Amino acid sequence: MCDTLIFVSSYLMSESKSFLSFEFLPDVIYPGVTRPQTDETHVQRFIERFSLRDRFPILAYMTPFVWREKVMGIEILAMALRNLVGHSLSPRLVVIGEGPLRRETEARIKELGLGDLVVFTGQMSNPRIALLACDIYAHISMRESLGISILEAMSVGKPVIATDIGGIREIISEETVGELVSANPKDIERAILSLSLDRDKMNVLGIRAQEHVETKFTWRESADKHLRLYREAMGETEDSRDG
C-alpha cells in the first residue's frame, strides 16, 4: 500500500487511469535537470571527430535504441534533412545513444541512402557535449511520457522541434521555446528550414528555452514537491496513530 503515486507528466497520469484504480489522489512532479559546466575544448573535439565543422544545421536526437516508436524518428528526420540539401544547406543529424536496435537502425539508414546525413555517436558519458555542438534538438518520437532529453537540450540553450505526442506539450506549451510538429517529414523539414533561415529566431528560442527550464524544471523545485508529499504522508500517519 502507498499513500500517493507520483507521475512525471499529466499525460502519463491520465494514461495510467485507464488500467489503474486510485484510492488516493495521484500527483505530478516534473523531473529536474542540471546544467553542468562543459569544457569548450571537448565540444570542439567532438565536432572534429564527427566531421561536423562547417555543417549547418546540426541536429541532435537522443534515444536508448530500445523502443521502435522512438527509433522510427531517426529515419523520418533523415528524410527531412535530405530535402534540406536542396536549400543550399549542409545538414547533419547526430544520434546519441546505444541499444539493441542501433545496428538495425544504422543498416536501414544506409539502405535508404541517407548514411552521409546521419552520425551515430553511441553512448556518451556526457551527452551535453553533443547537445552543445548542435544547432537544434529534434525529438521525433512516436512514444513519450515526457522527454527528459528535451529538457537537457533546452537547459543548454537549444531550440527544440518535437512531435506533438505524450507529455511533450507539457514542456513545449508555447512556440516561444520550441515548435511542435507532426511526424510527417515535410512538416519537420519546414520547421527546420524556418529556423535555419532565421538564426536570430533560433538564438532567441534557445535563450527562452533555457529560461523556461531554469524556471520550471529544476531539481530544487522537484525536491521541494517530493518533500511536501512526504511531510503530508507523515502527518497523516501521526494523526492516525494519535487517534
Protein backbone atom coordinates (compact mmCIF):
# COMPACT_ATOMS: atom_id res chain seq x y z
CA MET A 1 0.00 0.00 0.00
CA CYS A 2 1.13 3.53 -0.67
CA ASP A 3 -0.16 6.97 0.23
CA THR A 4 0.27 8.53 -3.19
CA LEU A 5 1.58 7.84 -6.66
CA ILE A 6 3.84 10.28 -8.48
CA PHE A 7 3.94 10.67 -12.25
CA VAL A 8 6.45 12.59 -14.37
CA SER A 9 3.70 14.10 -16.54
CA SER A 10 -0.03 14.72 -16.54
CA TYR A 11 -0.22 12.69 -19.75
CA LEU A 12 1.26 9.60 -18.07
CA MET A 13 -1.07 10.01 -15.11
CA SER A 14 -4.08 10.25 -17.42
CA GLU A 15 -3.00 7.18 -19.39
CA SER A 16 -2.46 5.17 -16.19
CA LYS A 17 -6.01 5.80 -15.07
CA SER A 18 -7.20 3.50 -17.84
CA PHE A 19 -5.70 0.45 -16.12
CA LEU A 20 -5.10 1.60 -12.53
CA SER A 21 -7.67 2.50 -9.89
CA PHE A 22 -6.55 5.08 -7.36
CA GLU A 23 -7.83 5.09 -3.81
CA PHE A 24 -5.89 8.29 -3.30
CA LEU A 25 -5.16 11.42 -5.27
CA PRO A 26 -2.08 10.94 -7.50
CA ASP A 27 0.28 13.82 -8.18
CA VAL A 28 2.53 15.05 -10.97
CA ILE A 29 6.09 16.14 -10.22
CA TYR A 30 8.23 17.05 -13.20
CA PRO A 31 11.87 15.91 -13.18
CA GLY A 32 14.59 18.49 -12.91
CA VAL A 33 17.74 18.92 -14.95
CA THR A 34 21.07 20.48 -14.14
CA ARG A 35 23.44 22.40 -16.41
CA PRO A 36 26.97 21.25 -15.51
CA GLN A 37 29.97 23.06 -16.85
CA THR A 38 31.34 21.58 -20.07
CA ASP A 39 34.80 22.41 -21.38
CA GLU A 40 34.54 24.06 -24.80
CA THR A 41 37.58 22.10 -25.97
CA HIS A 42 35.57 18.89 -25.56
CA VAL A 43 32.84 20.32 -27.78
CA GLN A 44 35.38 21.29 -30.45
CA ARG A 45 36.96 17.83 -30.33
CA PHE A 46 33.53 16.29 -30.78
CA ILE A 47 32.89 18.50 -33.82
CA GLU A 48 36.21 17.47 -35.38
CA ARG A 49 35.80 13.79 -34.56
CA PHE A 50 32.47 13.52 -36.35
CA SER A 51 33.34 15.92 -39.21
CA LEU A 52 30.72 18.49 -38.24
CA ARG A 53 32.82 21.55 -38.97
CA ASP A 54 31.07 23.87 -41.46
CA ARG A 55 27.89 21.76 -41.37
CA PHE A 56 24.62 23.57 -40.83
CA PRO A 57 22.18 22.96 -39.37
CA ILE A 58 23.40 20.28 -36.98
CA LEU A 59 20.54 18.48 -35.29
CA ALA A 60 20.76 16.14 -32.31
CA TYR A 61 18.46 13.38 -31.11
CA MET A 62 18.93 11.15 -28.05
CA THR A 63 17.40 7.68 -27.84
CA PRO A 64 18.18 4.46 -25.95
CA PHE A 65 17.55 2.35 -29.10
CA VAL A 66 15.09 0.20 -27.18
CA TRP A 67 11.64 1.29 -28.35
CA ARG A 68 10.82 1.23 -32.05
CA GLU A 69 8.42 4.15 -31.56
CA LYS A 70 11.43 6.29 -30.65
CA VAL A 71 13.87 4.85 -33.18
CA MET A 72 11.43 5.46 -36.06
CA GLY A 73 12.08 9.17 -35.64
CA ILE A 74 15.67 8.80 -36.89
CA GLU A 75 14.53 7.66 -40.32
CA ILE A 76 11.90 10.38 -40.50
CA LEU A 77 14.43 13.05 -39.52
CA ALA A 78 16.95 11.82 -42.09
CA MET A 79 14.31 12.01 -44.82
CA ALA A 80 13.54 15.59 -43.81
CA LEU A 81 17.22 16.51 -43.91
CA ARG A 82 17.64 15.02 -47.37
CA ASN A 83 15.16 17.57 -48.70
CA LEU A 84 17.06 20.40 -46.97
CA VAL A 85 20.12 19.80 -49.12
CA GLY A 86 18.19 21.39 -51.98
CA HIS A 87 18.05 24.65 -49.99
CA SER A 88 21.84 25.11 -50.10
CA LEU A 89 22.21 23.75 -46.59
CA SER A 90 24.57 21.03 -45.37
CA PRO A 91 22.61 19.42 -42.53
CA ARG A 92 23.71 16.61 -40.24
CA LEU A 93 21.82 14.58 -37.69
CA VAL A 94 23.75 13.46 -34.61
CA VAL A 95 22.10 10.49 -32.88
CA ILE A 96 23.24 9.85 -29.32
CA GLY A 97 22.62 6.56 -27.58
CA GLU A 98 23.12 2.81 -27.63
CA GLY A 99 20.86 -0.21 -27.51
CA PRO A 100 19.64 -3.40 -29.20
CA LEU A 101 18.08 -1.58 -32.18
CA ARG A 102 21.11 0.50 -33.11
CA ARG A 103 22.67 -1.80 -35.74
CA GLU A 104 19.32 -2.38 -37.39
CA THR A 105 18.69 1.36 -37.49
CA GLU A 106 22.11 2.15 -38.98
CA ALA A 107 21.57 -0.50 -41.65
CA ARG A 108 18.19 0.97 -42.51
CA ILE A 109 19.62 4.48 -42.85
CA LYS A 110 22.33 3.21 -45.21
CA GLU A 111 19.78 1.21 -47.19
CA LEU A 112 17.83 4.42 -47.80
CA GLY A 113 20.97 6.18 -48.99
CA LEU A 114 20.92 8.58 -46.03
CA GLY A 115 24.12 7.45 -44.32
CA ASP A 116 26.01 10.63 -45.18
CA LEU A 117 23.44 12.71 -43.30
CA VAL A 118 23.42 10.79 -40.00
CA VAL A 119 26.14 10.36 -37.37
CA PHE A 120 25.75 7.70 -34.66
CA THR A 121 27.87 8.52 -31.61
CA GLY A 122 26.99 5.56 -29.41
CA GLN A 123 26.64 6.01 -25.65
CA MET A 124 28.20 9.19 -24.27
CA SER A 125 29.18 9.74 -20.64
CA ASN A 126 28.42 13.44 -21.15
CA PRO A 127 25.80 13.83 -23.91
CA ARG A 128 25.70 17.57 -23.28
CA ILE A 129 28.87 17.83 -25.34
CA ALA A 130 26.86 16.72 -28.37
CA LEU A 131 23.95 18.97 -27.44
CA LEU A 132 26.25 21.98 -27.25
CA ALA A 133 27.68 21.12 -30.66
CA CYS A 134 24.26 21.10 -32.31
CA ASP A 135 22.07 23.96 -33.53
CA ILE A 136 18.65 22.36 -32.98
CA TYR A 137 17.41 19.48 -30.85
CA ALA A 138 14.90 17.40 -32.82
CA HIS A 139 12.85 14.92 -30.81
CA ILE A 140 10.80 12.99 -33.36
CA SER A 141 9.28 10.17 -31.37
CA MET A 142 6.01 8.23 -31.55
CA ARG A 143 6.07 7.45 -27.84
CA GLU A 144 6.91 9.76 -24.97
CA SER A 145 5.80 10.17 -21.38
CA LEU A 146 7.66 13.48 -21.06
CA GLY A 147 11.10 13.66 -22.72
CA ILE A 148 13.96 14.39 -20.30
CA SER A 149 16.40 14.71 -23.20
CA ILE A 150 14.29 17.63 -24.42
CA LEU A 151 14.79 19.34 -21.07
CA GLU A 152 18.53 18.64 -21.20
CA ALA A 153 18.78 20.23 -24.65
CA MET A 154 16.78 23.24 -23.53
CA SER A 155 18.97 23.60 -20.44
CA VAL A 156 21.98 24.32 -22.69
CA GLY A 157 20.04 26.84 -24.77
CA LYS A 158 18.93 24.81 -27.76
CA PRO A 159 15.62 25.35 -29.58
CA VAL A 160 13.52 22.20 -29.89
CA ILE A 161 11.45 20.70 -32.67
CA ALA A 162 9.41 17.79 -31.35
CA THR A 163 6.43 15.64 -32.22
CA ASP A 164 3.21 16.66 -30.51
CA ILE A 165 2.68 13.47 -28.54
CA GLY A 166 2.50 12.28 -24.94
CA GLY A 167 3.72 14.73 -22.34
CA ILE A 168 5.89 16.79 -24.68
CA ARG A 169 3.24 19.51 -24.86
CA GLU A 170 3.72 19.98 -21.11
CA ILE A 171 7.29 21.09 -21.84
CA ILE A 172 6.75 22.97 -25.08
CA SER A 173 3.47 24.61 -24.19
CA GLU A 174 4.06 27.58 -26.45
CA GLU A 175 6.01 28.42 -29.59
CA THR A 176 8.33 30.78 -27.71
CA VAL A 177 10.53 27.85 -26.57
CA GLY A 178 10.21 25.42 -29.48
CA GLU A 179 7.89 24.02 -32.10
CA LEU A 180 5.58 21.01 -32.08
CA VAL A 181 5.21 19.14 -35.36
CA SER A 182 3.62 16.04 -36.83
CA ALA A 183 5.73 13.02 -37.77
CA ASN A 184 5.49 13.96 -41.45
CA PRO A 185 8.96 14.62 -42.96
CA LYS A 186 7.60 17.63 -44.89
CA ASP A 187 6.29 19.21 -41.69
CA ILE A 188 9.63 18.62 -39.98
CA GLU A 189 11.55 19.93 -42.98
CA ARG A 190 9.51 23.13 -42.90
CA ALA A 191 10.20 23.65 -39.18
CA ILE A 192 13.95 23.04 -39.55
CA LEU A 193 14.17 25.29 -42.60
CA SER A 194 12.30 28.08 -40.83
CA LEU A 195 14.86 28.13 -38.03
CA SER A 196 17.85 27.60 -40.30
CA LEU A 197 16.99 30.64 -42.40
CA ASP A 198 16.48 32.83 -39.33
CA ARG A 199 19.40 32.42 -36.94
CA ASP A 200 18.19 35.29 -34.78
CA LYS A 201 14.95 33.39 -34.18
CA MET A 202 16.96 30.24 -33.48
CA ASN A 203 19.03 32.03 -30.84
CA VAL A 204 16.03 33.69 -29.21
CA LEU A 205 14.18 30.37 -28.96
CA GLY A 206 17.26 28.79 -27.40
CA ILE A 207 17.55 31.53 -24.78
CA ARG A 208 13.86 31.32 -23.92
CA ALA A 209 14.03 27.53 -23.76
CA GLN A 210 16.88 27.75 -21.25
CA GLU A 211 14.99 30.29 -19.15
CA HIS A 212 11.89 28.09 -19.23
CA VAL A 213 13.81 25.08 -17.87
CA GLU A 214 15.56 27.13 -15.20
CA THR A 215 12.18 28.43 -14.04
CA LYS A 216 10.02 25.31 -14.12
CA PHE A 217 12.14 22.17 -14.39
CA THR A 218 14.76 22.41 -11.65
CA TRP A 219 15.85 19.74 -9.18
CA ARG A 220 15.17 22.22 -6.38
CA GLU A 221 11.52 22.51 -7.34
CA SER A 222 11.22 18.76 -7.86
CA ALA A 223 12.83 18.02 -4.48
CA ASP A 224 10.62 20.56 -2.68
CA LYS A 225 7.48 18.94 -4.07
CA HIS A 226 8.67 15.47 -3.06
CA LEU A 227 9.44 16.69 0.45
CA ARG A 228 5.98 18.25 0.69
CA LEU A 229 4.35 14.93 -0.19
CA TYR A 230 6.50 13.05 2.33
CA ARG A 231 5.61 15.53 5.06
CA GLU A 232 1.92 15.28 4.26
CA ALA A 233 2.11 11.48 4.35
CA MET A 234 3.98 11.51 7.67
CA GLY A 235 1.48 13.96 9.10
CA GLU A 236 -1.42 11.74 8.19
CA THR A 237 0.33 8.73 9.76
CA GLU A 238 0.98 10.60 13.01
CA ASP A 239 -2.62 11.81 13.16
CA SER A 240 -3.94 8.29 12.67
CA ARG A 241 -1.66 7.00 15.44
CA ASP A 242 -2.78 9.75 17.81
CA GLY A 243 -6.35 8.77 17.12
